[in-house]
N, C-alpha and C. Protein backbone atom coordinates (compact mmCIF):
# COMPACT_ATOMS: atom_id res chain seq x y z
N MET A 1 -110.03 -120.89 -126.55
CA MET A 1 -109.94 -122.52 -126.09
C MET A 1 -109.06 -121.97 -124.96
N ILE A 2 -109.29 -122.41 -123.57
CA ILE A 2 -108.78 -122.04 -122.18
C ILE A 2 -107.92 -123.40 -122.04
N PHE A 3 -106.30 -122.56 -121.49
CA PHE A 3 -105.55 -123.57 -120.91
C PHE A 3 -105.16 -123.01 -119.75
N LEU A 4 -105.71 -124.08 -119.28
CA LEU A 4 -105.64 -124.41 -117.32
C LEU A 4 -104.32 -124.90 -116.91
N PHE A 5 -103.67 -126.01 -118.23
CA PHE A 5 -102.70 -126.81 -117.59
C PHE A 5 -101.05 -126.23 -118.26
N VAL A 6 -100.12 -127.04 -117.26
CA VAL A 6 -98.90 -126.32 -117.75
C VAL A 6 -98.11 -127.86 -117.68
N ALA A 7 -97.31 -127.97 -118.23
CA ALA A 7 -96.69 -129.44 -117.92
C ALA A 7 -95.17 -129.11 -117.56
N CYS A 8 -94.63 -129.95 -116.82
CA CYS A 8 -93.59 -129.93 -116.11
C CYS A 8 -92.87 -131.10 -115.63
N ALA A 9 -91.39 -131.09 -115.17
CA ALA A 9 -90.66 -132.22 -114.84
C ALA A 9 -91.35 -132.46 -113.34
N ALA A 10 -91.42 -133.87 -112.89
CA ALA A 10 -92.26 -134.22 -111.41
C ALA A 10 -90.98 -134.20 -110.86
N HIS A 11 -89.97 -133.90 -111.07
CA HIS A 11 -89.00 -133.89 -109.72
C HIS A 11 -88.93 -132.35 -109.11
N CYS A 12 -89.59 -131.58 -110.07
CA CYS A 12 -89.85 -130.10 -109.52
C CYS A 12 -90.76 -130.04 -108.85
N VAL A 13 -91.90 -130.96 -108.61
CA VAL A 13 -93.10 -130.78 -108.15
C VAL A 13 -93.01 -131.66 -106.95
N ARG A 14 -92.00 -132.48 -106.40
CA ARG A 14 -91.98 -133.49 -105.42
C ARG A 14 -90.71 -132.79 -104.77
N GLY A 15 -90.75 -133.37 -103.45
CA GLY A 15 -89.43 -132.53 -102.24
C GLY A 15 -88.44 -133.77 -102.82
N PRO A 16 -87.31 -133.42 -102.16
CA PRO A 16 -85.78 -134.06 -102.46
C PRO A 16 -86.12 -135.81 -102.31
N PRO A 17 -85.16 -136.18 -103.12
CA PRO A 17 -85.68 -138.01 -103.01
C PRO A 17 -85.22 -138.22 -101.60
N THR A 18 -85.46 -138.14 -100.24
CA THR A 18 -84.98 -138.53 -99.18
C THR A 18 -85.68 -139.47 -99.12
N SER A 19 -87.15 -140.10 -99.06
CA SER A 19 -87.84 -141.32 -99.26
C SER A 19 -87.85 -141.50 -101.04
N GLN A 20 -88.12 -142.65 -100.67
CA GLN A 20 -88.31 -143.05 -102.59
C GLN A 20 -88.93 -142.38 -103.54
N ASP A 21 -90.16 -141.43 -103.32
CA ASP A 21 -90.44 -140.80 -104.27
C ASP A 21 -90.86 -139.72 -103.85
N GLY A 22 -89.92 -138.81 -102.50
CA GLY A 22 -90.16 -137.68 -102.52
C GLY A 22 -91.80 -137.15 -102.17
N GLU A 23 -91.67 -136.19 -101.25
CA GLU A 23 -93.15 -135.67 -100.70
C GLU A 23 -93.59 -134.81 -101.75
N PRO A 24 -94.62 -134.67 -102.06
CA PRO A 24 -95.62 -133.61 -102.83
C PRO A 24 -95.36 -132.22 -102.22
N LEU A 25 -94.96 -131.08 -103.39
CA LEU A 25 -95.45 -129.68 -102.69
C LEU A 25 -96.49 -129.67 -102.72
N LYS A 26 -96.93 -128.37 -101.84
CA LYS A 26 -98.09 -128.01 -101.73
C LYS A 26 -98.29 -127.20 -103.10
N ALA A 27 -99.43 -127.27 -103.46
CA ALA A 27 -99.83 -125.99 -104.62
C ALA A 27 -99.81 -124.67 -104.06
N THR A 28 -99.97 -124.38 -103.09
CA THR A 28 -99.71 -122.88 -102.51
C THR A 28 -98.69 -123.15 -102.53
N GLN A 29 -97.63 -123.59 -102.47
CA GLN A 29 -96.11 -123.37 -102.47
C GLN A 29 -95.09 -123.13 -104.08
N MET A 30 -96.39 -123.13 -105.17
CA MET A 30 -95.93 -123.01 -106.06
C MET A 30 -96.27 -122.09 -107.20
N ILE A 31 -95.49 -121.24 -107.91
CA ILE A 31 -96.21 -120.40 -108.89
C ILE A 31 -95.43 -120.76 -110.54
N VAL A 32 -95.96 -120.41 -111.55
CA VAL A 32 -95.51 -120.97 -112.74
C VAL A 32 -95.40 -119.38 -113.30
N LEU A 33 -93.97 -119.41 -113.56
CA LEU A 33 -93.73 -118.07 -114.36
C LEU A 33 -93.51 -118.47 -115.85
N VAL A 34 -94.71 -117.49 -116.53
CA VAL A 34 -95.04 -117.48 -118.26
C VAL A 34 -94.08 -116.77 -118.99
N GLY A 35 -93.98 -117.02 -120.02
CA GLY A 35 -93.04 -115.47 -120.79
C GLY A 35 -91.64 -115.12 -120.56
N GLN A 36 -90.80 -116.28 -120.50
CA GLN A 36 -89.65 -115.95 -120.21
C GLN A 36 -88.88 -117.24 -119.58
N ASN A 37 -87.78 -117.50 -120.15
CA ASN A 37 -87.15 -118.80 -119.81
C ASN A 37 -86.05 -119.08 -119.18
N HIS A 38 -86.16 -117.52 -118.86
CA HIS A 38 -84.61 -117.76 -117.53
C HIS A 38 -85.07 -116.41 -115.59
N ILE A 39 -85.24 -116.91 -115.10
CA ILE A 39 -86.25 -116.12 -113.99
C ILE A 39 -85.39 -115.20 -113.61
N GLN A 40 -84.09 -114.89 -113.34
CA GLN A 40 -83.46 -114.01 -113.10
C GLN A 40 -82.78 -112.69 -114.12
N TRP A 41 -82.81 -113.19 -115.64
CA TRP A 41 -83.72 -112.09 -116.61
C TRP A 41 -84.56 -111.90 -117.25
N ALA A 42 -85.67 -111.98 -116.55
CA ALA A 42 -86.92 -111.64 -117.33
C ALA A 42 -87.10 -110.09 -118.03
N GLU A 43 -87.58 -109.71 -118.46
CA GLU A 43 -88.24 -108.32 -118.77
C GLU A 43 -89.66 -108.14 -118.21
N LYS A 44 -89.51 -106.91 -117.85
CA LYS A 44 -90.78 -106.34 -117.41
C LYS A 44 -91.54 -106.37 -118.50
N GLY A 45 -92.59 -106.83 -118.00
CA GLY A 45 -94.00 -107.01 -119.04
C GLY A 45 -94.16 -108.22 -120.14
N ASN A 46 -93.01 -109.03 -119.76
CA ASN A 46 -92.77 -109.62 -120.66
C ASN A 46 -93.16 -111.42 -119.86
N LYS A 47 -93.17 -111.10 -118.41
CA LYS A 47 -93.76 -112.59 -117.37
C LYS A 47 -94.88 -112.53 -116.52
N PHE A 48 -95.16 -113.43 -116.49
CA PHE A 48 -96.08 -113.40 -115.60
C PHE A 48 -96.63 -114.63 -114.83
N GLU A 49 -96.83 -114.42 -113.55
CA GLU A 49 -96.58 -115.32 -112.77
C GLU A 49 -98.02 -116.27 -112.15
N VAL A 50 -98.13 -117.13 -112.33
CA VAL A 50 -100.27 -117.89 -112.27
C VAL A 50 -99.80 -118.40 -111.25
N ASP A 51 -100.85 -118.25 -110.37
CA ASP A 51 -100.42 -119.36 -108.78
C ASP A 51 -101.29 -120.94 -109.62
N VAL A 52 -100.63 -121.97 -108.60
CA VAL A 52 -100.90 -123.47 -109.08
C VAL A 52 -102.18 -123.70 -108.54
N ASN A 53 -103.43 -124.10 -108.50
CA ASN A 53 -104.38 -124.82 -108.00
C ASN A 53 -103.98 -126.15 -107.64
N LYS A 54 -103.48 -126.97 -108.39
CA LYS A 54 -102.88 -128.86 -108.32
C LYS A 54 -101.91 -128.75 -108.76
N SER A 55 -100.87 -129.95 -108.73
CA SER A 55 -99.99 -130.83 -108.95
C SER A 55 -100.77 -132.35 -109.10
N ILE A 56 -100.26 -132.51 -110.75
CA ILE A 56 -100.46 -133.69 -110.83
C ILE A 56 -98.87 -134.79 -111.19
N ALA A 57 -98.48 -135.27 -110.82
CA ALA A 57 -97.09 -136.04 -111.21
C ALA A 57 -97.59 -137.31 -111.70
N HIS A 58 -96.90 -137.70 -112.67
CA HIS A 58 -96.80 -139.09 -113.44
C HIS A 58 -97.18 -140.42 -112.21
N PRO A 59 -98.08 -140.95 -112.19
CA PRO A 59 -98.38 -142.02 -111.14
C PRO A 59 -97.24 -142.96 -111.26
N GLY A 60 -96.10 -143.29 -112.31
CA GLY A 60 -95.38 -144.06 -112.30
C GLY A 60 -93.52 -143.23 -111.87
N PHE A 61 -93.68 -141.75 -111.44
CA PHE A 61 -92.52 -141.15 -111.56
C PHE A 61 -91.58 -141.75 -110.05
N SER A 62 -90.48 -142.22 -110.27
CA SER A 62 -89.91 -142.67 -109.40
C SER A 62 -87.74 -142.21 -109.53
N TYR A 63 -87.58 -141.86 -108.40
CA TYR A 63 -86.08 -141.39 -108.31
C TYR A 63 -85.10 -142.61 -108.76
N ASP A 64 -85.47 -143.76 -107.96
CA ASP A 64 -85.30 -144.77 -108.14
C ASP A 64 -85.46 -145.85 -108.62
N PRO A 65 -85.50 -146.53 -110.08
CA PRO A 65 -85.02 -145.49 -110.93
C PRO A 65 -85.42 -144.44 -111.57
N PHE A 66 -84.77 -143.60 -112.17
CA PHE A 66 -85.54 -142.31 -112.52
C PHE A 66 -85.81 -142.15 -113.80
N ILE A 67 -87.16 -142.70 -113.67
CA ILE A 67 -88.18 -142.84 -114.68
C ILE A 67 -89.86 -141.81 -114.87
N ASN A 68 -90.29 -141.72 -115.39
CA ASN A 68 -91.57 -140.94 -115.76
C ASN A 68 -91.57 -139.46 -115.11
N ASP A 69 -90.56 -138.46 -115.63
CA ASP A 69 -90.29 -137.53 -115.50
C ASP A 69 -91.12 -136.57 -115.72
N ILE A 70 -92.41 -136.21 -115.22
CA ILE A 70 -93.42 -135.64 -116.09
C ILE A 70 -94.78 -135.33 -115.25
N ALA A 71 -95.26 -134.31 -115.18
CA ALA A 71 -96.35 -134.05 -114.40
C ALA A 71 -96.88 -132.60 -114.65
N LEU A 72 -98.10 -132.51 -114.52
CA LEU A 72 -99.04 -131.34 -114.99
C LEU A 72 -99.40 -130.20 -113.96
N LEU A 73 -99.12 -128.89 -113.80
CA LEU A 73 -99.48 -128.35 -112.64
C LEU A 73 -101.06 -127.55 -113.53
N LYS A 74 -102.35 -127.68 -112.76
CA LYS A 74 -103.64 -126.79 -112.94
C LYS A 74 -103.56 -125.81 -112.39
N LEU A 75 -103.86 -124.46 -113.53
CA LEU A 75 -103.47 -122.84 -112.52
C LEU A 75 -104.76 -122.77 -112.30
N LYS A 76 -104.88 -121.73 -111.26
CA LYS A 76 -106.08 -121.06 -110.84
C LYS A 76 -106.45 -120.27 -111.63
N GLN A 77 -106.05 -119.79 -112.96
CA GLN A 77 -106.49 -119.01 -113.83
C GLN A 77 -105.91 -119.37 -115.04
N PRO A 78 -106.87 -119.17 -116.37
CA PRO A 78 -106.18 -119.54 -117.68
C PRO A 78 -104.99 -118.30 -118.19
N LEU A 79 -104.02 -119.06 -118.85
CA LEU A 79 -102.93 -118.46 -119.57
C LEU A 79 -103.67 -117.52 -120.63
N GLN A 80 -103.48 -116.54 -120.62
CA GLN A 80 -103.05 -115.53 -121.99
C GLN A 80 -102.02 -115.48 -122.89
N PHE A 81 -102.42 -115.97 -124.04
CA PHE A 81 -101.32 -116.47 -125.17
C PHE A 81 -100.83 -114.87 -125.55
N ASN A 82 -99.73 -114.47 -125.76
CA ASN A 82 -99.39 -113.42 -126.37
C ASN A 82 -97.90 -113.94 -127.15
N GLY A 83 -97.14 -113.03 -127.58
CA GLY A 83 -95.84 -113.01 -128.25
C GLY A 83 -94.65 -114.10 -127.33
N TYR A 84 -95.01 -114.48 -126.24
CA TYR A 84 -94.04 -114.70 -125.32
C TYR A 84 -94.70 -115.72 -124.80
N VAL A 85 -95.74 -115.95 -124.37
CA VAL A 85 -96.27 -116.84 -123.95
C VAL A 85 -97.37 -117.70 -125.14
N LYS A 86 -97.09 -118.91 -125.55
CA LYS A 86 -97.67 -119.70 -126.74
C LYS A 86 -98.22 -121.22 -126.01
N PRO A 87 -99.21 -121.94 -126.30
CA PRO A 87 -98.77 -123.11 -125.99
C PRO A 87 -97.65 -124.01 -126.94
N LEU A 88 -97.36 -125.37 -126.47
CA LEU A 88 -96.23 -126.40 -126.80
C LEU A 88 -97.13 -126.83 -127.81
N ALA A 89 -97.08 -127.01 -128.98
CA ALA A 89 -97.46 -128.10 -130.21
C ALA A 89 -96.52 -129.59 -129.56
N VAL A 90 -97.99 -130.49 -129.52
CA VAL A 90 -97.92 -131.98 -129.19
C VAL A 90 -98.12 -132.96 -130.53
N ALA A 91 -97.13 -134.23 -130.69
CA ALA A 91 -97.21 -134.82 -131.55
C ALA A 91 -98.37 -135.26 -131.61
N PRO A 92 -98.98 -135.69 -132.85
CA PRO A 92 -100.34 -136.51 -133.21
C PRO A 92 -100.46 -137.92 -132.52
N SER A 93 -101.44 -138.40 -132.20
CA SER A 93 -101.73 -139.92 -131.72
C SER A 93 -101.14 -140.60 -132.91
N GLY A 94 -100.21 -141.69 -132.27
CA GLY A 94 -99.95 -142.42 -133.06
C GLY A 94 -98.86 -142.47 -134.12
N PHE A 95 -97.97 -140.72 -133.80
CA PHE A 95 -96.95 -140.40 -134.06
C PHE A 95 -96.04 -141.40 -134.01
N LYS A 96 -94.98 -141.87 -135.03
CA LYS A 96 -93.83 -142.47 -134.58
C LYS A 96 -92.54 -141.34 -135.27
N GLU A 97 -91.61 -141.68 -134.14
CA GLU A 97 -90.26 -140.65 -134.35
C GLU A 97 -89.53 -141.61 -135.26
N GLN A 98 -88.78 -140.51 -136.63
CA GLN A 98 -88.76 -141.42 -137.89
C GLN A 98 -86.75 -141.01 -137.65
N GLY A 99 -86.08 -141.94 -137.52
CA GLY A 99 -84.37 -142.30 -137.89
C GLY A 99 -83.97 -141.24 -137.16
N MET A 100 -84.15 -141.03 -135.61
CA MET A 100 -83.34 -139.86 -134.57
C MET A 100 -83.17 -140.67 -133.30
N GLY A 101 -84.23 -142.27 -133.31
CA GLY A 101 -83.75 -142.46 -131.80
C GLY A 101 -84.47 -141.89 -131.08
N ASN A 102 -83.79 -141.97 -129.39
CA ASN A 102 -84.07 -141.32 -128.33
C ASN A 102 -83.00 -140.25 -128.47
N ARG A 103 -82.00 -139.72 -129.10
CA ARG A 103 -81.54 -138.74 -129.07
C ARG A 103 -82.19 -137.06 -128.62
N ASN A 104 -83.51 -136.84 -129.05
CA ASN A 104 -83.87 -135.77 -129.36
C ASN A 104 -85.33 -135.85 -128.20
N LEU A 105 -85.17 -136.70 -126.90
CA LEU A 105 -86.09 -136.59 -125.95
C LEU A 105 -85.80 -135.59 -125.22
N PRO A 106 -86.75 -134.97 -124.47
CA PRO A 106 -85.94 -134.12 -123.30
C PRO A 106 -85.67 -134.77 -122.07
N ARG A 107 -84.35 -134.05 -121.70
CA ARG A 107 -84.00 -135.09 -120.26
C ARG A 107 -83.60 -133.74 -119.70
N GLY A 108 -83.11 -133.97 -118.59
CA GLY A 108 -82.24 -133.08 -117.36
C GLY A 108 -82.85 -133.46 -115.85
N VAL A 109 -81.71 -133.42 -115.27
CA VAL A 109 -81.85 -133.30 -113.93
C VAL A 109 -81.27 -132.30 -113.38
N PRO A 110 -81.98 -131.56 -112.53
CA PRO A 110 -80.89 -130.41 -112.25
C PRO A 110 -79.82 -130.83 -110.74
N SER A 111 -79.16 -129.75 -110.42
CA SER A 111 -77.82 -130.43 -109.83
C SER A 111 -78.40 -130.25 -108.37
N LYS A 112 -77.58 -130.79 -107.22
CA LYS A 112 -78.00 -130.52 -106.10
C LYS A 112 -78.25 -129.07 -105.22
N ASN A 113 -77.37 -128.22 -106.14
CA ASN A 113 -77.40 -126.71 -106.13
C ASN A 113 -78.36 -126.04 -106.73
N GLN A 114 -79.04 -126.75 -107.69
CA GLN A 114 -79.85 -125.95 -109.09
C GLN A 114 -81.07 -126.64 -108.30
N ASP A 115 -82.12 -124.82 -108.69
CA ASP A 115 -83.44 -125.50 -108.81
C ASP A 115 -84.29 -125.83 -109.90
N CYS A 116 -85.38 -125.75 -110.22
CA CYS A 116 -85.96 -126.50 -111.36
C CYS A 116 -86.61 -124.69 -111.64
N THR A 117 -86.10 -123.83 -111.73
CA THR A 117 -86.20 -122.30 -112.51
C THR A 117 -85.42 -122.26 -114.10
């Protein structure tokens, strides 16, 4: 199986919200770091940088109101899985969450002084 896409937050592929929805960053301005969860503490041999071919933000993404904060990055080369790089498990079609409400939904917006790393 070939994996050419990575999911990320739409606000990480859009510019600052100076306009209604920000301007998309160019794919040449982005790289994906895999194999580490913190760019400053990456161990040698565990992290890999992959160039981005295209970014696709959710068509309904908006800063005001802040909704649909998801995007896909199409990579220039497929990811190689190892002990540090693994696919994300996705719930099957029709899955219904039981008993947790929306407390376990991923959320987060970087502060003004924080980037999306």
